[in-house]
Amino acid sequence: MSINKILAVDDSKVDLINLQNILSDAGYEVLTAGSGQEAIEKAGAEKPDLIFMDVVMQHMDGYQACRELTHNDVTKNIPIIFVTSKGQKADRVWAEMTGGKGLVQKPYTPDQILEQVNQFK
């Protein structure tokens, strides 16, 4: 699988810009969304190769957005990596149960983000 276009999802503007900068500096086309619902809409329209998804967001959390994306024929094969401050074992299990392919705990380093991308190349 070739990774070119990545969707970054976070309701925190600072976290979203940080993630966008890491990925664009590494040469990826980066789309952004500020909510779970926006992520679902953009993923369906833009069909990114990978999604980085925050967990704790207003109205629809990342787990719920992930479930919707993995149950939609158009987006079900897009890998989703959770990026969250929630790093307990239960959080990792829950991320996997909802269809996530990985989890990066905040605060993270650029290397941790790019390591996740590289596992899908």
PDB file of N, CA and C in Angstrom:
ATOM      1  N   MET A   1       0.837  -1.185   0.000  1.00  0.00           N
ATOM      2  CA  MET A   1       0.000   0.000   0.000  1.00  0.00           C
ATOM      3  C   MET A   1       0.881   1.247   0.000  1.00  0.00           C
ATOM      4  N   SER A   2       0.548   2.179  -0.819  1.00  0.00           N
ATOM      5  CA  SER A   2       1.299   3.427  -0.901  1.00  0.00           C
ATOM      6  C   SER A   2       0.568   4.506  -0.105  1.00  0.00           C
ATOM      7  N   ILE A   3       1.284   5.195   0.758  1.00  0.00           N
ATOM      8  CA  ILE A   3       0.685   6.254   1.559  1.00  0.00           C
ATOM      9  C   ILE A   3       1.093   7.604   0.962  1.00  0.00           C
ATOM     10  N   ASN A   4       0.117   8.347   0.472  1.00  0.00           N
ATOM     11  CA  ASN A   4       0.369   9.676  -0.073  1.00  0.00           C
ATOM     12  C   ASN A   4      -0.476  10.733   0.626  1.00  0.00           C
ATOM     13  N   LYS A   5      -1.763  10.406   0.823  1.00  0.00           N
ATOM     14  CA  LYS A   5      -2.723  11.355   1.379  1.00  0.00           C
ATOM     15  C   LYS A   5      -3.154  10.877   2.766  1.00  0.00           C
ATOM     16  N   ILE A   6      -3.011  11.757   3.765  1.00  0.00           N
ATOM     17  CA  ILE A   6      -3.336  11.401   5.145  1.00  0.00           C
ATOM     18  C   ILE A   6      -4.335  12.404   5.705  1.00  0.00           C
ATOM     19  N   LEU A   7      -5.351  11.886   6.386  1.00  0.00           N
ATOM     20  CA  LEU A   7      -6.340  12.723   7.058  1.00  0.00           C
ATOM     21  C   LEU A   7      -5.991  12.787   8.540  1.00  0.00           C
ATOM     22  N   ALA A   8      -5.791  13.996   9.058  1.00  0.00           N
ATOM     23  CA  ALA A   8      -5.524  14.221  10.479  1.00  0.00           C
ATOM     24  C   ALA A   8      -6.788  14.787  11.111  1.00  0.00           C
ATOM     25  N   VAL A   9      -7.226  14.174  12.222  1.00  0.00           N
ATOM     26  CA  VAL A   9      -8.480  14.568  12.862  1.00  0.00           C
ATOM     27  C   VAL A   9      -8.224  14.893  14.331  1.00  0.00           C
ATOM     28  N   ASP A  10      -8.537  16.122  14.727  1.00  0.00           N
ATOM     29  CA  ASP A  10      -8.397  16.526  16.129  1.00  0.00           C
ATOM     30  C   ASP A  10      -9.202  17.793  16.326  1.00  0.00           C
ATOM     31  N   ASP A  11      -9.887  17.911  17.466  1.00  0.00           N
ATOM     32  CA  ASP A  11     -10.658  19.123  17.730  1.00  0.00           C
ATOM     33  C   ASP A  11      -9.793  20.212  18.364  1.00  0.00           C
ATOM     34  N   SER A  12      -8.559  19.886  18.704  1.00  0.00           N
ATOM     35  CA  SER A  12      -7.613  20.882  19.208  1.00  0.00           C
ATOM     36  C   SER A  12      -6.830  21.439  18.024  1.00  0.00           C
ATOM     37  N   LYS A  13      -6.954  22.738  17.778  1.00  0.00           N
ATOM     38  CA  LYS A  13      -6.249  23.365  16.651  1.00  0.00           C
ATOM     39  C   LYS A  13      -4.739  23.192  16.783  1.00  0.00           C
ATOM     40  N   VAL A  14      -4.206  23.326  18.007  1.00  0.00           N
ATOM     41  CA  VAL A  14      -2.761  23.202  18.230  1.00  0.00           C
ATOM     42  C   VAL A  14      -2.294  21.794  17.877  1.00  0.00           C
ATOM     43  N   ASP A  15      -3.004  20.772  18.375  1.00  0.00           N
ATOM     44  CA  ASP A  15      -2.628  19.386  18.080  1.00  0.00           C
ATOM     45  C   ASP A  15      -2.763  19.089  16.592  1.00  0.00           C
ATOM     46  N   LEU A  16      -3.810  19.639  15.973  1.00  0.00           N
ATOM     47  CA  LEU A  16      -4.038  19.398  14.548  1.00  0.00           C
ATOM     48  C   LEU A  16      -2.918  20.021  13.703  1.00  0.00           C
ATOM     49  N   ILE A  17      -2.523  21.232  14.034  1.00  0.00           N
ATOM     50  CA  ILE A  17      -1.446  21.899  13.294  1.00  0.00           C
ATOM     51  C   ILE A  17      -0.129  21.160  13.492  1.00  0.00           C
ATOM     52  N   ASN A  18       0.135  20.712  14.711  1.00  0.00           N
ATOM     53  CA  ASN A  18       1.357  19.959  14.997  1.00  0.00           C
ATOM     54  C   ASN A  18       1.424  18.692  14.142  1.00  0.00           C
ATOM     55  N   LEU A  19       0.349  17.934  14.124  1.00  0.00           N
ATOM     56  CA  LEU A  19       0.287  16.696  13.342  1.00  0.00           C
ATOM     57  C   LEU A  19       0.416  16.998  11.847  1.00  0.00           C
ATOM     58  N   GLN A  20      -0.269  18.033  11.402  1.00  0.00           N
ATOM     59  CA  GLN A  20      -0.211  18.438   9.992  1.00  0.00           C
ATOM     60  C   GLN A  20       1.222  18.805   9.601  1.00  0.00           C
ATOM     61  N   ASN A  21       1.916  19.544  10.461  1.00  0.00           N
ATOM     62  CA  ASN A  21       3.292  19.945  10.169  1.00  0.00           C
ATOM     63  C   ASN A  21       4.236  18.749  10.087  1.00  0.00           C
ATOM     64  N   ILE A  22       4.105  17.818  11.010  1.00  0.00           N
ATOM     65  CA  ILE A  22       4.957  16.621  11.000  1.00  0.00           C
ATOM     66  C   ILE A  22       4.780  15.861   9.688  1.00  0.00           C
ATOM     67  N   LEU A  23       3.538  15.656   9.295  1.00  0.00           N
ATOM     68  CA  LEU A  23       3.244  14.863   8.101  1.00  0.00           C
ATOM     69  C   LEU A  23       3.595  15.602   6.809  1.00  0.00           C
ATOM     70  N   SER A  24       3.282  16.890   6.737  1.00  0.00           N
ATOM     71  CA  SER A  24       3.596  17.624   5.508  1.00  0.00           C
ATOM     72  C   SER A  24       5.105  17.816   5.359  1.00  0.00           C
ATOM     73  N   ASP A  25       5.821  18.007   6.470  1.00  0.00           N
ATOM     74  CA  ASP A  25       7.282  18.112   6.406  1.00  0.00           C
ATOM     75  C   ASP A  25       7.914  16.819   5.903  1.00  0.00           C
ATOM     76  N   ALA A  26       7.234  15.708   6.125  1.00  0.00           N
ATOM     77  CA  ALA A  26       7.726  14.404   5.661  1.00  0.00           C
ATOM     78  C   ALA A  26       7.301  14.124   4.216  1.00  0.00           C
ATOM     79  N   GLY A  27       6.582  15.066   3.597  1.00  0.00           N
ATOM     80  CA  GLY A  27       6.241  14.937   2.188  1.00  0.00           C
ATOM     81  C   GLY A  27       4.863  14.393   1.879  1.00  0.00           C
ATOM     82  N   TYR A  28       4.001  14.276   2.891  1.00  0.00           N
ATOM     83  CA  TYR A  28       2.654  13.746   2.657  1.00  0.00           C
ATOM     84  C   TYR A  28       1.654  14.879   2.403  1.00  0.00           C
ATOM     85  N   GLU A  29       0.657  14.579   1.584  1.00  0.00           N
ATOM     86  CA  GLU A  29      -0.474  15.489   1.414  1.00  0.00           C
ATOM     87  C   GLU A  29      -1.356  15.298   2.642  1.00  0.00           C
ATOM     88  N   VAL A  30      -1.674  16.384   3.337  1.00  0.00           N
ATOM     89  CA  VAL A  30      -2.425  16.270   4.588  1.00  0.00           C
ATOM     90  C   VAL A  30      -3.753  16.998   4.482  1.00  0.00           C
ATOM     91  N   LEU A  31      -4.820  16.266   4.785  1.00  0.00           N
ATOM     92  CA  LEU A  31      -6.155  16.836   4.914  1.00  0.00           C
ATOM     93  C   LEU A  31      -6.437  16.932   6.406  1.00  0.00           C
ATOM     94  N   THR A  32      -7.279  17.866   6.824  1.00  0.00           N
ATOM     95  CA  THR A  32      -7.597  17.969   8.241  1.00  0.00           C
ATOM     96  C   THR A  32      -9.097  18.001   8.474  1.00  0.00           C
ATOM     97  N   ALA A  33      -9.475  17.554   9.673  1.00  0.00           N
ATOM     98  CA  ALA A  33     -10.861  17.614  10.110  1.00  0.00           C
ATOM     99  C   ALA A  33     -10.855  17.921  11.600  1.00  0.00           C
ATOM    100  N   GLY A  34     -11.815  18.714  12.039  1.00  0.00           N
ATOM    101  CA  GLY A  34     -11.883  19.122  13.441  1.00  0.00           C
ATOM    102  C   GLY A  34     -12.894  18.370  14.268  1.00  0.00           C
ATOM    103  N   SER A  35     -13.547  17.352  13.669  1.00  0.00           N
ATOM    104  CA  SER A  35     -14.537  16.569  14.407  1.00  0.00           C
ATOM    105  C   SER A  35     -14.675  15.185  13.780  1.00  0.00           C
ATOM    106  N   GLY A  36     -15.281  14.283  14.527  1.00  0.00           N
ATOM    107  CA  GLY A  36     -15.527  12.940  14.009  1.00  0.00           C
ATOM    108  C   GLY A  36     -16.429  12.956  12.788  1.00  0.00           C
ATOM    109  N   GLN A  37     -17.476  13.784  12.834  1.00  0.00           N
ATOM    110  CA  GLN A  37     -18.410  13.859  11.712  1.00  0.00           C
ATOM    111  C   GLN A  37     -17.717  14.409  10.465  1.00  0.00           C
ATOM    112  N   GLU A  38     -16.903  15.440  10.638  1.00  0.00           N
ATOM    113  CA  GLU A  38     -16.168  15.997   9.504  1.00  0.00           C
ATOM    114  C   GLU A  38     -15.186  14.964   8.940  1.00  0.00           C
ATOM    115  N   ALA A  39     -14.601  14.172   9.830  1.00  0.00           N
ATOM    116  CA  ALA A  39     -13.673  13.118   9.397  1.00  0.00           C
ATOM    117  C   ALA A  39     -14.388  12.101   8.510  1.00  0.00           C
ATOM    118  N   ILE A  40     -15.579  11.705   8.897  1.00  0.00           N
ATOM    119  CA  ILE A  40     -16.358  10.739   8.114  1.00  0.00           C
ATOM    120  C   ILE A  40     -16.665  11.309   6.727  1.00  0.00           C
ATOM    121  N   GLU A  41     -17.078  12.574   6.695  1.00  0.00           N
ATOM    122  CA  GLU A  41     -17.412  13.216   5.424  1.00  0.00           C
ATOM    123  C   GLU A  41     -16.180  13.341   4.529  1.00  0.00           C
ATOM    124  N   LYS A  42     -15.059  13.815   5.094  1.00  0.00           N
ATOM    125  CA  LYS A  42     -13.844  14.002   4.288  1.00  0.00           C
ATOM    126  C   LYS A  42     -13.269  12.671   3.828  1.00  0.00           C
ATOM    127  N   ALA A  43     -13.309  11.665   4.695  1.00  0.00           N
ATOM    128  CA  ALA A  43     -12.776  10.350   4.322  1.00  0.00           C
ATOM    129  C   ALA A  43     -13.568   9.774   3.153  1.00  0.00           C
ATOM    130  N   GLY A  44     -14.885   9.930   3.183  1.00  0.00           N
ATOM    131  CA  GLY A  44     -15.716   9.426   2.097  1.00  0.00           C
ATOM    132  C   GLY A  44     -15.476  10.160   0.786  1.00  0.00           C
ATOM    133  N   ALA A  45     -15.266  11.470   0.864  1.00  0.00           N
ATOM    134  CA  ALA A  45     -15.078  12.280  -0.339  1.00  0.00           C
ATOM    135  C   ALA A  45     -13.652  12.204  -0.877  1.00  0.00           C
ATOM    136  N   GLU A  46     -12.663  12.214   0.010  1.00  0.00           N
ATOM    137  CA  GLU A  46     -11.257  12.327  -0.397  1.00  0.00           C
ATOM    138  C   GLU A  46     -10.507  10.991  -0.450  1.00  0.00           C
ATOM    139  N   LYS A  47     -11.028   9.991   0.241  1.00  0.00           N
ATOM    140  CA  LYS A  47     -10.415   8.648   0.301  1.00  0.00           C
ATOM    141  C   LYS A  47      -8.909   8.697   0.617  1.00  0.00           C
ATOM    142  N   PRO A  48      -8.563   9.164   1.832  1.00  0.00           N
ATOM    143  CA  PRO A  48      -7.155   9.202   2.209  1.00  0.00           C
ATOM    144  C   PRO A  48      -6.587   7.788   2.349  1.00  0.00           C
ATOM    145  N   ASP A  49      -5.268   7.684   2.351  1.00  0.00           N
ATOM    146  CA  ASP A  49      -4.605   6.389   2.488  1.00  0.00           C
ATOM    147  C   ASP A  49      -4.463   5.972   3.945  1.00  0.00           C
ATOM    148  N   LEU A  50      -4.578   6.943   4.861  1.00  0.00           N
ATOM    149  CA  LEU A  50      -4.386   6.703   6.288  1.00  0.00           C
ATOM    150  C   LEU A  50      -5.073   7.816   7.057  1.00  0.00           C
ATOM    151  N   ILE A  51      -5.563   7.494   8.253  1.00  0.00           N
ATOM    152  CA  ILE A  51      -6.218   8.500   9.099  1.00  0.00           C
ATOM    153  C   ILE A  51      -5.572   8.474  10.487  1.00  0.00           C
ATOM    154  N   PHE A  52      -5.199   9.661  10.991  1.00  0.00           N
ATOM    155  CA  PHE A  52      -4.803   9.818  12.387  1.00  0.00           C
ATOM    156  C   PHE A  52      -5.989  10.461  13.088  1.00  0.00           C
ATOM    157  N   MET A  53      -6.535   9.797  14.126  1.00  0.00           N
ATOM    158  CA  MET A  53      -7.794  10.210  14.749  1.00  0.00           C
ATOM    159  C   MET A  53      -7.627  10.436  16.248  1.00  0.00           C
ATOM    160  N   ASP A  54      -7.986  11.627  16.701  1.00  0.00           N
ATOM    161  CA  ASP A  54      -8.054  11.907  18.134  1.00  0.00           C
ATOM    162  C   ASP A  54      -9.218  11.094  18.708  1.00  0.00           C
ATOM    163  N   VAL A  55      -9.162  10.779  19.995  1.00  0.00           N
ATOM    164  CA  VAL A  55     -10.257  10.031  20.611  1.00  0.00           C
ATOM    165  C   VAL A  55     -11.268  10.973  21.246  1.00  0.00           C
ATOM    166  N   VAL A  56     -10.807  11.879  22.103  1.00  0.00           N
ATOM    167  CA  VAL A  56     -11.714  12.736  22.862  1.00  0.00           C
ATOM    168  C   VAL A  56     -12.057  13.976  22.049  1.00  0.00           C
ATOM    169  N   MET A  57     -13.282  13.976  21.495  1.00  0.00           N
ATOM    170  CA  MET A  57     -13.780  15.114  20.717  1.00  0.00           C
ATOM    171  C   MET A  57     -15.250  15.330  21.059  1.00  0.00           C
ATOM    172  N   GLN A  58     -15.728  16.547  20.843  1.00  0.00           N
ATOM    173  CA  GLN A  58     -17.123  16.890  21.100  1.00  0.00           C
ATOM    174  C   GLN A  58     -18.058  16.170  20.127  1.00  0.00           C
ATOM    175  N   HIS A  59     -19.258  15.889  20.552  1.00  0.00           N
ATOM    176  CA  HIS A  59     -20.360  15.343  19.750  1.00  0.00           C
ATOM    177  C   HIS A  59     -20.136  13.894  19.301  1.00  0.00           C
ATOM    178  N   MET A  60     -19.017  13.596  18.681  1.00  0.00           N
ATOM    179  CA  MET A  60     -18.729  12.237  18.237  1.00  0.00           C
ATOM    180  C   MET A  60     -17.257  11.963  18.514  1.00  0.00           C
ATOM    181  N   ASP A  61     -16.987  10.995  19.388  1.00  0.00           N
ATOM    182  CA  ASP A  61     -15.579  10.729  19.695  1.00  0.00           C
ATOM    183  C   ASP A  61     -14.925   9.910  18.583  1.00  0.00           C
ATOM    184  N   GLY A  62     -13.613   9.768  18.689  1.00  0.00           N
ATOM    185  CA  GLY A  62     -12.860   9.067  17.659  1.00  0.00           C
ATOM    186  C   GLY A  62     -13.245   7.612  17.510  1.00  0.00           C
ATOM    187  N   TYR A  63     -13.601   6.970  18.624  1.00  0.00           N
ATOM    188  CA  TYR A  63     -14.013   5.564  18.556  1.00  0.00           C
ATOM    189  C   TYR A  63     -15.280   5.418  17.717  1.00  0.00           C
ATOM    190  N   GLN A  64     -16.245   6.303  17.953  1.00  0.00           N
ATOM    191  CA  GLN A  64     -17.502   6.246  17.201  1.00  0.00           C
ATOM    192  C   GLN A  64     -17.265   6.540  15.722  1.00  0.00           C
ATOM    193  N   ALA A  65     -16.432   7.534  15.435  1.00  0.00           N
ATOM    194  CA  ALA A  65     -16.115   7.855  14.039  1.00  0.00           C
ATOM    195  C   ALA A  65     -15.415   6.671  13.375  1.00  0.00           C
ATOM    196  N   CYS A  66     -14.513   6.025  14.103  1.00  0.00           N
ATOM    197  CA  CYS A  66     -13.799   4.858  13.569  1.00  0.00           C
ATOM    198  C   CYS A  66     -14.777   3.734  13.243  1.00  0.00           C
ATOM    199  N   ARG A  67     -15.715   3.472  14.141  1.00  0.00           N
ATOM    200  CA  ARG A  67     -16.716   2.422  13.883  1.00  0.00           C
ATOM    201  C   ARG A  67     -17.499   2.728  12.614  1.00  0.00           C
ATOM    202  N   GLU A  68     -17.909   3.987  12.459  1.00  0.00           N
ATOM    203  CA  GLU A  68     -18.669   4.349  11.254  1.00  0.00           C
ATOM    204  C   GLU A  68     -17.824   4.186   9.996  1.00  0.00           C
ATOM    205  N   LEU A  69     -16.560   4.603  10.058  1.00  0.00           N
ATOM    206  CA  LEU A  69     -15.678   4.495   8.898  1.00  0.00           C
ATOM    207  C   LEU A  69     -15.399   3.039   8.531  1.00  0.00           C
ATOM    208  N   THR A  70     -15.216   2.186   9.528  1.00  0.00           N
ATOM    209  CA  THR A  70     -14.891   0.783   9.250  1.00  0.00           C
ATOM    210  C   THR A  70     -16.118  -0.034   8.836  1.00  0.00           C
ATOM    211  N   HIS A  71     -17.306   0.532   9.010  1.00  0.00           N
ATOM    212  CA  HIS A  71     -18.521  -0.162   8.573  1.00  0.00           C
ATOM    213  C   HIS A  71     -19.086   0.403   7.273  1.00  0.00           C
ATOM    214  N   ASN A  72     -18.343   1.323   6.655  1.00  0.00           N
ATOM    215  CA  ASN A  72     -18.775   1.923   5.397  1.00  0.00           C
ATOM    216  C   ASN A  72     -17.942   1.306   4.271  1.00  0.00           C
ATOM    217  N   ASP A  73     -18.590   0.814   3.227  1.00  0.00           N
ATOM    218  CA  ASP A  73     -17.882   0.148   2.126  1.00  0.00           C
ATOM    219  C   ASP A  73     -16.823   1.034   1.473  1.00  0.00           C
ATOM    220  N   VAL A  74     -17.051   2.342   1.425  1.00  0.00           N
ATOM    221  CA  VAL A  74     -16.126   3.263   0.769  1.00  0.00           C
ATOM    222  C   VAL A  74     -14.857   3.472   1.604  1.00  0.00           C
ATOM    223  N   THR A  75     -14.989   3.464   2.941  1.00  0.00           N
ATOM    224  CA  THR A  75     -13.865   3.825   3.816  1.00  0.00           C
ATOM    225  C   THR A  75     -13.353   2.680   4.688  1.00  0.00           C
ATOM    226  N   LYS A  76     -13.931   1.508   4.579  1.00  0.00           N
ATOM    227  CA  LYS A  76     -13.600   0.428   5.517  1.00  0.00           C
ATOM    228  C   LYS A  76     -12.154  -0.062   5.441  1.00  0.00           C
ATOM    229  N   ASN A  77     -11.472   0.159   4.344  1.00  0.00           N
ATOM    230  CA  ASN A  77     -10.092  -0.319   4.211  1.00  0.00           C
ATOM    231  C   ASN A  77      -9.033   0.734   4.521  1.00  0.00           C
ATOM    232  N   ILE A  78      -9.455   1.905   4.971  1.00  0.00           N
ATOM    233  CA  ILE A  78      -8.500   2.959   5.335  1.00  0.00           C
ATOM    234  C   ILE A  78      -8.022   2.701   6.764  1.00  0.00           C
ATOM    235  N   PRO A  79      -6.713   2.490   6.967  1.00  0.00           N
ATOM    236  CA  PRO A  79      -6.218   2.272   8.331  1.00  0.00           C
ATOM    237  C   PRO A  79      -6.390   3.531   9.189  1.00  0.00           C
ATOM    238  N   ILE A  80      -6.799   3.323  10.444  1.00  0.00           N
ATOM    239  CA  ILE A  80      -6.996   4.433  11.376  1.00  0.00           C
ATOM    240  C   ILE A  80      -6.059   4.243  12.567  1.00  0.00           C
ATOM    241  N   ILE A  81      -5.266   5.271  12.838  1.00  0.00           N
ATOM    242  CA  ILE A  81      -4.360   5.285  13.983  1.00  0.00           C
ATOM    243  C   ILE A  81      -4.904   6.314  14.966  1.00  0.00           C
ATOM    244  N   PHE A  82      -5.157   5.890  16.196  1.00  0.00           N
ATOM    245  CA  PHE A  82      -5.623   6.829  17.202  1.00  0.00           C
ATOM    246  C   PHE A  82      -4.450   7.600  17.782  1.00  0.00           C
ATOM    247  N   VAL A  83      -4.657   8.903  17.984  1.00  0.00           N
ATOM    248  CA  VAL A  83      -3.672   9.777  18.609  1.00  0.00           C
ATOM    249  C   VAL A  83      -4.391  10.382  19.808  1.00  0.00           C
ATOM    250  N   THR A  84      -3.980   9.994  21.014  1.00  0.00           N
ATOM    251  CA  THR A  84      -4.761  10.355  22.184  1.00  0.00           C
ATOM    252  C   THR A  84      -3.917  10.474  23.445  1.00  0.00           C
ATOM    253  N   SER A  85      -4.442  11.190  24.408  1.00  0.00           N
ATOM    254  CA  SER A  85      -3.799  11.269  25.721  1.00  0.00           C
ATOM    255  C   SER A  85      -4.170  10.034  26.553  1.00  0.00           C
ATOM    256  N   LYS A  86      -5.128   9.258  26.074  1.00  0.00           N
ATOM    257  CA  LYS A  86      -5.570   8.052  26.776  1.00  0.00           C
ATOM    258  C   LYS A  86      -4.663   6.878  26.377  1.00  0.00           C
ATOM    259  N   GLY A  87      -3.840   6.423  27.324  1.00  0.00           N
ATOM    260  CA  GLY A  87      -2.867   5.397  26.981  1.00  0.00           C
ATOM    261  C   GLY A  87      -2.906   4.155  27.846  1.00  0.00           C
ATOM    262  N   GLN A  88      -3.980   3.968  28.594  1.00  0.00           N
ATOM    263  CA  GLN A  88      -4.102   2.778  29.428  1.00  0.00           C
ATOM    264  C   GLN A  88      -4.306   1.544  28.547  1.00  0.00           C
ATOM    265  N   LYS A  89      -4.057   0.373  29.112  1.00  0.00           N
ATOM    266  CA  LYS A  89      -4.238  -0.863  28.357  1.00  0.00           C
ATOM    267  C   LYS A  89      -5.672  -0.964  27.826  1.00  0.00           C
ATOM    268  N   ALA A  90      -6.643  -0.580  28.646  1.00  0.00           N
ATOM    269  CA  ALA A  90      -8.050  -0.633  28.230  1.00  0.00           C
ATOM    270  C   ALA A  90      -8.302   0.255  27.017  1.00  0.00           C
ATOM    271  N   ASP A  91      -7.616   1.402  26.959  1.00  0.00           N
ATOM    272  CA  ASP A  91      -7.774   2.304  25.815  1.00  0.00           C
ATOM    273  C   ASP A  91      -7.232   1.659  24.546  1.00  0.00           C
ATOM    274  N   ARG A  92      -6.105   0.964  24.669  1.00  0.00           N
ATOM    275  CA  ARG A  92      -5.511   0.288  23.510  1.00  0.00           C
ATOM    276  C   ARG A  92      -6.418  -0.844  23.024  1.00  0.00           C
ATOM    277  N   VAL A  93      -6.973  -1.586  23.961  1.00  0.00           N
ATOM    278  CA  VAL A  93      -7.885  -2.678  23.600  1.00  0.00           C
ATOM    279  C   VAL A  93      -9.132  -2.110  22.926  1.00  0.00           C
ATOM    280  N   TRP A  94      -9.678  -1.047  23.488  1.00  0.00           N
ATOM    281  CA  TRP A  94     -10.878  -0.421  22.925  1.00  0.00           C
ATOM    282  C   TRP A  94     -10.598   0.115  21.523  1.00  0.00           C
ATOM    283  N   ALA A  95      -9.422   0.717  21.336  1.00  0.00           N
ATOM    284  CA  ALA A  95      -9.042   1.229  20.017  1.00  0.00           C
ATOM    285  C   ALA A  95      -9.027   0.094  18.998  1.00  0.00           C
ATOM    286  N   GLU A  96      -8.468  -1.029  19.391  1.00  0.00           N
ATOM    287  CA  GLU A  96      -8.405  -2.184  18.490  1.00  0.00           C
ATOM    288  C   GLU A  96      -9.793  -2.754  18.217  1.00  0.00           C
ATOM    289  N   MET A  97     -10.626  -2.814  19.254  1.00  0.00           N
ATOM    290  CA  MET A  97     -11.980  -3.370  19.102  1.00  0.00           C
ATOM    291  C   MET A  97     -12.839  -2.531  18.158  1.00  0.00           C
ATOM    292  N   THR A  98     -12.601  -1.220  18.108  1.00  0.00           N
ATOM    293  CA  THR A  98     -13.410  -0.363  17.238  1.00  0.00           C
ATOM    294  C   THR A  98     -12.874  -0.321  15.817  1.00  0.00           C
ATOM    295  N   GLY A  99     -11.747  -0.991  15.569  1.00  0.00           N
ATOM    296  CA  GLY A  99     -11.226  -1.068  14.209  1.00  0.00           C
ATOM    297  C   GLY A  99      -9.930  -0.311  13.983  1.00  0.00           C
ATOM    298  N   GLY A 100      -9.393   0.307  15.028  1.00  0.00           N
ATOM    299  CA  GLY A 100      -8.137   1.036  14.896  1.00  0.00           C
ATOM    300  C   GLY A 100      -6.968   0.091  14.653  1.00  0.00           C
ATOM    301  N   LYS A 101      -5.988   0.570  13.913  1.00  0.00           N
ATOM    302  CA  LYS A 101      -4.805  -0.239  13.576  1.00  0.00           C
ATOM    303  C   LYS A 101      -3.598   0.133  14.421  1.00  0.00           C
ATOM    304  N   GLY A 102      -3.746   1.130  15.291  1.00  0.00           N
ATOM    305  CA  GLY A 102      -2.640   1.539  16.142  1.00  0.00           C
ATOM    306  C   GLY A 102      -3.059   2.669  17.051  1.00  0.00           C
ATOM    307  N   LEU A 103      -2.166   3.008  17.998  1.00  0.00           N
ATOM    308  CA  LEU A 103      -2.448   4.087  18.933  1.00  0.00           C
ATOM    309  C   LEU A 103      -1.128   4.767  19.292  1.00  0.00           C
ATOM    310  N   VAL A 104      -1.108   6.085  19.202  1.00  0.00           N
ATOM    311  CA  VAL A 104       0.035   6.890  19.607  1.00  0.00           C
ATOM    312  C   VAL A 104      -0.440   7.764  20.750  1.00  0.00           C
ATOM    313  N   GLN A 105       0.296   7.729  21.851  1.00  0.00           N
ATOM    314  CA  GLN A 105      -0.107   8.503  23.018  1.00  0.00           C
ATOM    315  C   GLN A 105       0.503   9.899  22.988  1.00  0.00           C
ATOM    316  N   LYS A 106      -0.321  10.899  23.292  1.00  0.00           N
ATOM    317  CA  LYS A 106       0.141  12.279  23.415  1.00  0.00           C
ATOM    318  C   LYS A 106       0.832  12.427  24.761  1.00  0.00           C
ATOM    319  N   PRO A 107       1.889  13.207  24.886  1.00  0.00           N
ATOM    320  CA  PRO A 107       2.587  13.884  23.801  1.00  0.00           C
ATOM    321  C   PRO A 107       3.440  12.885  23.024  1.00  0.00           C
ATOM    322  N   TYR A 108       3.551  13.107  21.748  1.00  0.00           N
ATOM    323  CA  TYR A 108       4.291  12.183  20.875  1.00  0.00           C
ATOM    324  C   TYR A 108       5.431  12.933  20.198  1.00  0.00           C
ATOM    325  N   THR A 109       6.320  12.172  19.624  1.00  0.00           N
ATOM    326  CA  THR A 109       7.422  12.763  18.861  1.00  0.00           C
ATOM    327  C   THR A 109       7.103  12.599  17.372  1.00  0.00           C
ATOM    328  N   PRO A 110       7.716  13.405  16.517  1.00  0.00           N
ATOM    329  CA  PRO A 110       7.526  13.209  15.076  1.00  0.00           C
ATOM    330  C   PRO A 110       7.890  11.784  14.643  1.00  0.00           C
ATOM    331  N   ASP A 111       8.935  11.220  15.250  1.00  0.00           N
ATOM    332  CA  ASP A 111       9.349   9.852  14.895  1.00  0.00           C
ATOM    333  C   ASP A 111       8.250   8.836  15.190  1.00  0.00           C
ATOM    334  N   GLN A 112       7.525   9.017  16.293  1.00  0.00           N
ATOM    335  CA  GLN A 112       6.446   8.080  16.625  1.00  0.00           C
ATOM    336  C   GLN A 112       5.331   8.152  15.577  1.00  0.00           C
ATOM    337  N   ILE A 113       5.026   9.345  15.095  1.00  0.00           N
ATOM    338  CA  ILE A 113       3.984   9.509  14.071  1.00  0.00           C
ATOM    339  C   ILE A 113       4.444   8.871  12.759  1.00  0.00           C
ATOM    340  N   LEU A 114       5.659   9.179  12.355  1.00  0.00           N
ATOM    341  CA  LEU A 114       6.156   8.665  11.075  1.00  0.00           C
ATOM    342  C   LEU A 114       6.358   7.144  11.117  1.00  0.00           C
ATOM    343  N   GLU A 115       6.669   6.615  12.287  1.00  0.00           N
ATOM    344  CA  GLU A 115       6.790   5.158  12.448  1.00  0.00           C
ATOM    345  C   GLU A 115       5.449   4.478  12.138  1.00  0.00           C
ATOM    346  N   GLN A 116       4.356   5.112  12.564  1.00  0.00           N
ATOM    347  CA  GLN A 116       3.029   4.568  12.271  1.00  0.00           C
ATOM    348  C   GLN A 116       2.746   4.588  10.772  1.00  0.00           C
ATOM    349  N   VAL A 117       3.106   5.674  10.111  1.00  0.00           N
ATOM    350  CA  VAL A 117       2.901   5.780   8.664  1.00  0.00           C
ATOM    351  C   VAL A 117       3.695   4.682   7.949  1.00  0.00           C
ATOM    352  N   ASN A 118       4.937   4.513   8.373  1.00  0.00           N
ATOM    353  CA  ASN A 118       5.825   3.557   7.701  1.00  0.00           C
ATOM    354  C   ASN A 118       5.355   2.111   7.768  1.00  0.00           C
ATOM    355  N   GLN A 119       4.578   1.775   8.789  1.00  0.00           N
ATOM    356  CA  GLN A 119       4.115   0.393   8.869  1.00  0.00           C
ATOM    357  C   GLN A 119       3.048   0.061   7.819  1.00  0.00           C
ATOM    358  N   PHE A 120       2.542   1.076   7.134  1.00  0.00           N
ATOM    359  CA  PHE A 120       1.524   0.835   6.091  1.00  0.00           C
ATOM    360  C   PHE A 120       2.052   1.071   4.691  1.00  0.00           C
ATOM    361  N   LYS A 121       3.345   1.353   4.562  1.00  0.00           N
ATOM    362  CA  LYS A 121       3.930   1.590   3.234  1.00  0.00           C
ATOM    363  C   LYS A 121       4.090   0.308   2.475  1.00  0.00           C
TER     364      LYS A 121
END
